[in-house]
Amino acid sequence: MTNQTKKKADSAALPDENQVVDYLISHPEFFVEHAPLLGDLQIPHETGSAVSLVERQIMVLRDKNEHFEKKLREMVDAVHDNQRLHDSLHRLSINLFAADSLDDILGIVDDELRHKLGTDFVYFRLTTDALLHNKDKVLESTQGHTYVADDDEVLELFAPLIEKKNIQCGLFSNEEIEQLFMKDAGEVASAAIIPVEDAGIRGLIALGSRDKKRYHAGMGTDFLTSLATLISAAMKSQLAR
């Protein structure tokens, strides 16, 4: 038998790696019965140095532990964030119940969003027949509360979104950002638009952030939906007085 033939024969006699894996899975006691192998086997590491099987297991377990710790922190953060939003809606409900004017309603919402939830920019653009009898009349408060005529060009720009009551988050065109945030447009990296259309009130609330990740297309909008419902109910109640 030639050396080449002998090597082929020896190779054919060895199990392939799938057989080795299957064997170890079927015989978990293997390393218990052959404990010295745990220290003798050398496994290549990303750094180029070799480590024992035991050391490699410890590294794998440490990586898994870090992964689960990260997931746990994310879950805890999500719980805290949800609680914070729940508290915000509860606080808004109480404060809006005591509001005595439309400006007061918007002031309460503005304060909650800016100072309690850390929203960088908050702009309101609303129209209602109960407020405006002159189509050319525009009332703008110093806090960014803007009442406009029904044919306002910004409302026309976002008319499809308002009519469908679709909350939109993420990136917008430069033109849209400039129309929504005016003097603050240059600082807005991401935005959310909350349409308002209920009981003769029509318009939108624009939330802007310097953080481009704050508002994104895939984010949940339950809080923003609840916020819009609260504001509409408060304004409807105020107009009914």
Protein backbone atom coordinates (compact mmCIF):
# COMPACT_ATOMS: atom_id res chain seq x y z
CA MET A 1 0.00 0.00 0.00
CA THR A 2 1.46 3.35 -1.02
CA ASN A 3 1.58 6.29 1.42
CA GLN A 4 -1.06 8.16 -0.58
CA THR A 5 -3.37 5.14 -0.53
CA LYS A 6 -2.78 4.71 3.21
CA LYS A 7 -3.65 8.39 3.86
CA LYS A 8 -6.88 8.02 1.89
CA ALA A 9 -7.77 4.90 3.84
CA ASP A 10 -7.07 6.61 7.17
CA SER A 11 -9.11 9.63 6.10
CA ALA A 12 -12.03 7.45 5.05
CA ALA A 13 -11.96 5.77 8.45
CA LEU A 14 -12.35 9.09 10.30
CA PRO A 15 -15.86 10.47 10.97
CA ASP A 16 -16.77 13.75 9.30
CA GLU A 17 -17.55 16.83 11.38
CA ASN A 18 -21.33 16.27 11.23
CA GLN A 19 -20.88 12.81 12.69
CA VAL A 20 -18.69 14.25 15.44
CA VAL A 21 -21.33 16.88 16.26
CA ASP A 22 -24.11 14.28 16.26
CA TYR A 23 -22.07 12.01 18.51
CA LEU A 24 -21.34 14.75 21.07
CA ILE A 25 -25.01 15.81 21.12
CA SER A 26 -26.06 12.20 21.66
CA HIS A 27 -23.40 11.64 24.33
CA PRO A 28 -23.36 14.74 26.57
CA GLU A 29 -21.41 12.79 29.16
CA PHE A 30 -18.40 12.48 26.83
CA PHE A 31 -16.42 15.36 28.37
CA VAL A 32 -17.38 14.24 31.86
CA GLU A 33 -15.76 10.88 31.18
CA HIS A 34 -12.81 12.53 29.38
CA ALA A 35 -12.34 15.61 31.57
CA PRO A 36 -8.61 16.10 30.76
CA LEU A 37 -9.57 16.90 27.15
CA LEU A 38 -11.26 20.10 28.31
CA GLY A 39 -7.89 21.55 29.21
CA ASP A 40 -5.90 19.89 26.45
CA LEU A 41 -8.00 20.88 23.44
CA GLN A 42 -6.86 24.18 21.94
CA ILE A 43 -9.38 26.32 20.07
CA PRO A 44 -8.31 29.21 17.79
CA HIS A 45 -9.46 32.65 18.95
CA GLU A 46 -10.20 35.77 16.90
CA THR A 47 -7.08 37.41 18.32
CA GLY A 48 -4.92 34.65 16.86
CA SER A 49 -4.08 32.98 20.17
CA ALA A 50 -5.42 29.56 21.16
CA VAL A 51 -7.59 28.89 24.20
CA SER A 52 -8.76 25.74 25.90
CA LEU A 53 -12.28 24.39 25.45
CA VAL A 54 -13.15 25.46 29.00
CA GLU A 55 -11.94 29.01 28.34
CA ARG A 56 -13.88 29.06 25.08
CA GLN A 57 -17.05 27.94 26.87
CA ILE A 58 -16.59 30.71 29.42
CA MET A 59 -16.24 33.26 26.61
CA VAL A 60 -19.38 31.97 24.89
CA LEU A 61 -21.34 32.06 28.15
CA ARG A 62 -20.06 35.56 28.87
CA ASP A 63 -21.21 36.73 25.43
CA LYS A 64 -24.63 35.15 25.98
CA ASN A 65 -24.87 36.76 29.39
CA GLU A 66 -24.06 40.19 27.95
CA HIS A 67 -26.66 39.64 25.22
CA PHE A 68 -29.39 38.77 27.73
CA GLU A 69 -28.38 41.64 30.02
CA LYS A 70 -28.74 44.03 27.08
CA LYS A 71 -32.18 42.61 26.24
CA LEU A 72 -33.21 42.92 29.89
CA ARG A 73 -32.08 46.56 30.02
CA GLU A 74 -34.06 47.26 26.84
CA MET A 75 -37.17 45.67 28.37
CA VAL A 76 -36.77 47.66 31.60
CA ASP A 77 -36.25 50.88 29.62
CA ALA A 78 -39.39 50.12 27.58
CA VAL A 79 -41.42 49.58 30.76
CA HIS A 80 -40.15 52.85 32.24
CA ASP A 81 -40.87 54.69 28.99
CA ASN A 82 -44.40 53.28 28.79
CA GLN A 83 -45.01 54.28 32.41
CA ARG A 84 -43.74 57.78 31.68
CA LEU A 85 -46.12 58.13 28.72
CA HIS A 86 -49.01 56.72 30.77
CA ASP A 87 -48.31 59.27 33.52
CA SER A 88 -48.19 62.01 30.89
CA LEU A 89 -51.62 61.13 29.48
CA HIS A 90 -53.04 60.93 33.00
CA ARG A 91 -51.61 64.34 33.87
CA LEU A 92 -52.90 65.83 30.62
CA SER A 93 -56.41 64.47 31.22
CA ILE A 94 -56.60 66.18 34.60
CA ASN A 95 -55.12 69.48 33.42
CA LEU A 96 -57.17 69.67 30.23
CA PHE A 97 -60.35 69.10 32.22
CA ALA A 98 -59.62 72.36 34.05
CA ALA A 99 -58.73 74.37 30.92
CA ASP A 100 -60.89 77.45 30.34
CA SER A 101 -59.97 78.42 26.75
CA LEU A 102 -58.52 77.08 23.53
CA ASP A 103 -55.26 78.88 24.21
CA ASP A 104 -55.18 77.33 27.67
CA ILE A 105 -55.62 73.86 26.14
CA LEU A 106 -52.76 74.36 23.73
CA GLY A 107 -50.61 75.88 26.47
CA ILE A 108 -51.13 72.82 28.68
CA VAL A 109 -50.25 70.46 25.84
CA ASP A 110 -47.24 72.55 24.88
CA ASP A 111 -45.92 72.53 28.46
CA GLU A 112 -46.40 68.78 28.80
CA LEU A 113 -44.63 67.97 25.56
CA ARG A 114 -41.75 70.40 25.96
CA HIS A 115 -41.02 70.34 29.67
CA LYS A 116 -42.23 66.92 30.79
CA LEU A 117 -41.42 64.80 27.73
CA GLY A 118 -38.48 66.78 26.36
CA THR A 119 -39.89 67.56 22.91
CA ASP A 120 -37.63 70.17 21.30
CA PHE A 121 -40.21 71.93 19.11
CA VAL A 122 -44.01 72.00 19.28
CA TYR A 123 -46.13 73.85 16.73
CA PHE A 124 -49.91 73.98 16.38
CA ARG A 125 -51.71 74.98 13.19
CA LEU A 126 -55.47 74.86 13.57
CA THR A 127 -58.61 76.29 12.06
CA THR A 128 -62.20 76.31 13.25
CA ASP A 129 -65.32 78.17 12.14
CA ALA A 130 -66.05 78.99 15.77
CA LEU A 131 -62.81 80.95 15.95
CA LEU A 132 -62.52 82.47 12.51
CA HIS A 133 -65.25 84.29 10.67
CA ASN A 134 -62.82 86.24 8.50
CA LYS A 135 -60.83 83.97 6.15
CA ASP A 136 -57.95 86.45 6.04
CA LYS A 137 -57.64 86.69 9.81
CA VAL A 138 -54.64 84.91 11.33
CA LEU A 139 -54.00 84.81 15.07
CA GLU A 140 -50.58 83.62 16.20
CA SER A 141 -49.54 83.37 19.84
CA THR A 142 -45.97 83.73 21.07
CA GLN A 143 -45.92 80.04 22.04
CA GLY A 144 -46.28 78.79 18.48
CA HIS A 145 -50.07 78.36 18.64
CA THR A 146 -51.33 79.40 15.25
CA TYR A 147 -54.96 79.76 14.20
CA VAL A 148 -55.33 80.08 10.46
CA ALA A 149 -57.96 80.47 7.79
CA ASP A 150 -59.53 77.34 6.39
CA ASP A 151 -57.65 77.70 3.09
CA ASP A 152 -54.24 78.00 4.77
CA GLU A 153 -51.54 76.78 2.36
CA VAL A 154 -49.81 74.63 5.00
CA LEU A 155 -53.03 72.82 5.86
CA GLU A 156 -53.63 72.34 2.13
CA LEU A 157 -50.14 70.83 1.82
CA PHE A 158 -50.99 68.22 4.45
CA ALA A 159 -54.69 67.89 3.58
CA PRO A 160 -54.55 64.15 2.64
CA LEU A 161 -52.86 63.31 5.93
CA ILE A 162 -55.35 65.37 7.93
CA GLU A 163 -58.39 63.89 6.17
CA LYS A 164 -57.20 60.33 6.78
CA LYS A 165 -56.13 61.18 10.35
CA ASN A 166 -52.83 59.42 9.74
CA ILE A 167 -50.03 60.20 12.16
CA GLN A 168 -46.78 60.45 10.24
CA CYS A 169 -43.30 60.15 11.78
CA GLY A 170 -39.82 60.32 10.33
CA LEU A 171 -38.14 62.49 7.74
CA PHE A 172 -39.89 65.16 5.73
CA SER A 173 -38.85 67.36 2.83
CA ASN A 174 -37.07 70.64 3.53
CA GLU A 175 -40.13 72.50 2.27
CA GLU A 176 -42.43 70.66 4.67
CA ILE A 177 -40.09 71.22 7.63
CA GLU A 178 -39.85 74.94 6.83
CA GLN A 179 -43.62 75.26 6.54
CA LEU A 180 -44.20 73.42 9.82
CA PHE A 181 -41.44 74.77 12.05
CA MET A 182 -40.71 78.17 10.52
CA LYS A 183 -37.82 79.84 12.43
CA ASP A 184 -36.82 76.53 14.07
CA ALA A 185 -36.76 74.54 10.83
CA GLY A 186 -32.97 74.52 10.60
CA GLU A 187 -32.67 72.63 13.89
CA VAL A 188 -35.26 69.93 13.17
CA ALA A 189 -33.69 66.55 12.34
CA SER A 190 -36.84 64.41 12.65
CA ALA A 191 -40.52 65.16 13.09
CA ALA A 192 -43.97 63.78 13.83
CA ILE A 193 -47.22 65.21 12.51
CA ILE A 194 -50.45 64.63 14.42
CA PRO A 195 -53.58 65.50 12.40
CA VAL A 196 -56.54 66.97 14.24
CA GLU A 197 -60.00 66.88 12.67
CA ASP A 198 -62.98 66.68 14.94
CA ALA A 199 -66.04 68.74 15.87
CA GLY A 200 -65.30 71.54 13.43
CA ILE A 201 -61.61 71.72 14.38
CA ARG A 202 -59.11 70.97 11.66
CA GLY A 203 -55.34 71.18 11.59
CA LEU A 204 -52.20 69.56 12.82
CA ILE A 205 -49.69 69.43 15.64
CA ALA A 206 -46.04 69.25 14.57
CA LEU A 207 -43.44 67.81 16.93
CA GLY A 208 -39.79 68.32 16.05
CA SER A 209 -36.56 66.95 17.45
CA ARG A 210 -32.88 67.72 17.04
CA ASP A 211 -32.31 63.96 17.25
CA LYS A 212 -32.82 62.29 13.86
CA LYS A 213 -33.71 59.01 15.61
CA ARG A 214 -36.37 60.50 17.90
CA TYR A 215 -39.16 60.17 15.33
CA HIS A 216 -38.92 57.44 12.71
CA ALA A 217 -41.28 55.68 10.31
CA GLY A 218 -41.37 52.39 12.23
CA MET A 219 -42.12 53.80 15.68
CA GLY A 220 -45.33 53.11 17.58
CA THR A 221 -47.91 55.89 17.57
CA ASP A 222 -50.28 54.80 20.36
CA PHE A 223 -49.26 57.70 22.60
CA LEU A 224 -49.60 60.26 19.80
CA THR A 225 -53.02 58.84 18.87
CA SER A 226 -54.19 59.12 22.48
CA LEU A 227 -52.78 62.64 22.65
CA ALA A 228 -54.75 63.69 19.55
CA THR A 229 -57.93 62.19 21.00
CA LEU A 230 -57.47 64.06 24.28
CA ILE A 231 -56.84 67.38 22.56
CA SER A 232 -59.83 66.98 20.25
CA ALA A 233 -62.12 66.11 23.17
CA ALA A 234 -60.89 69.09 25.20
CA MET A 235 -61.32 71.52 22.30
CA LYS A 236 -64.73 70.12 21.45
CA SER A 237 -65.83 70.63 25.06
CA GLN A 238 -64.47 74.17 25.05
CA LEU A 239 -66.25 75.13 21.82
CA ALA A 240 -69.53 73.70 23.18
CA ARG A 241 -69.57 76.16 26.09
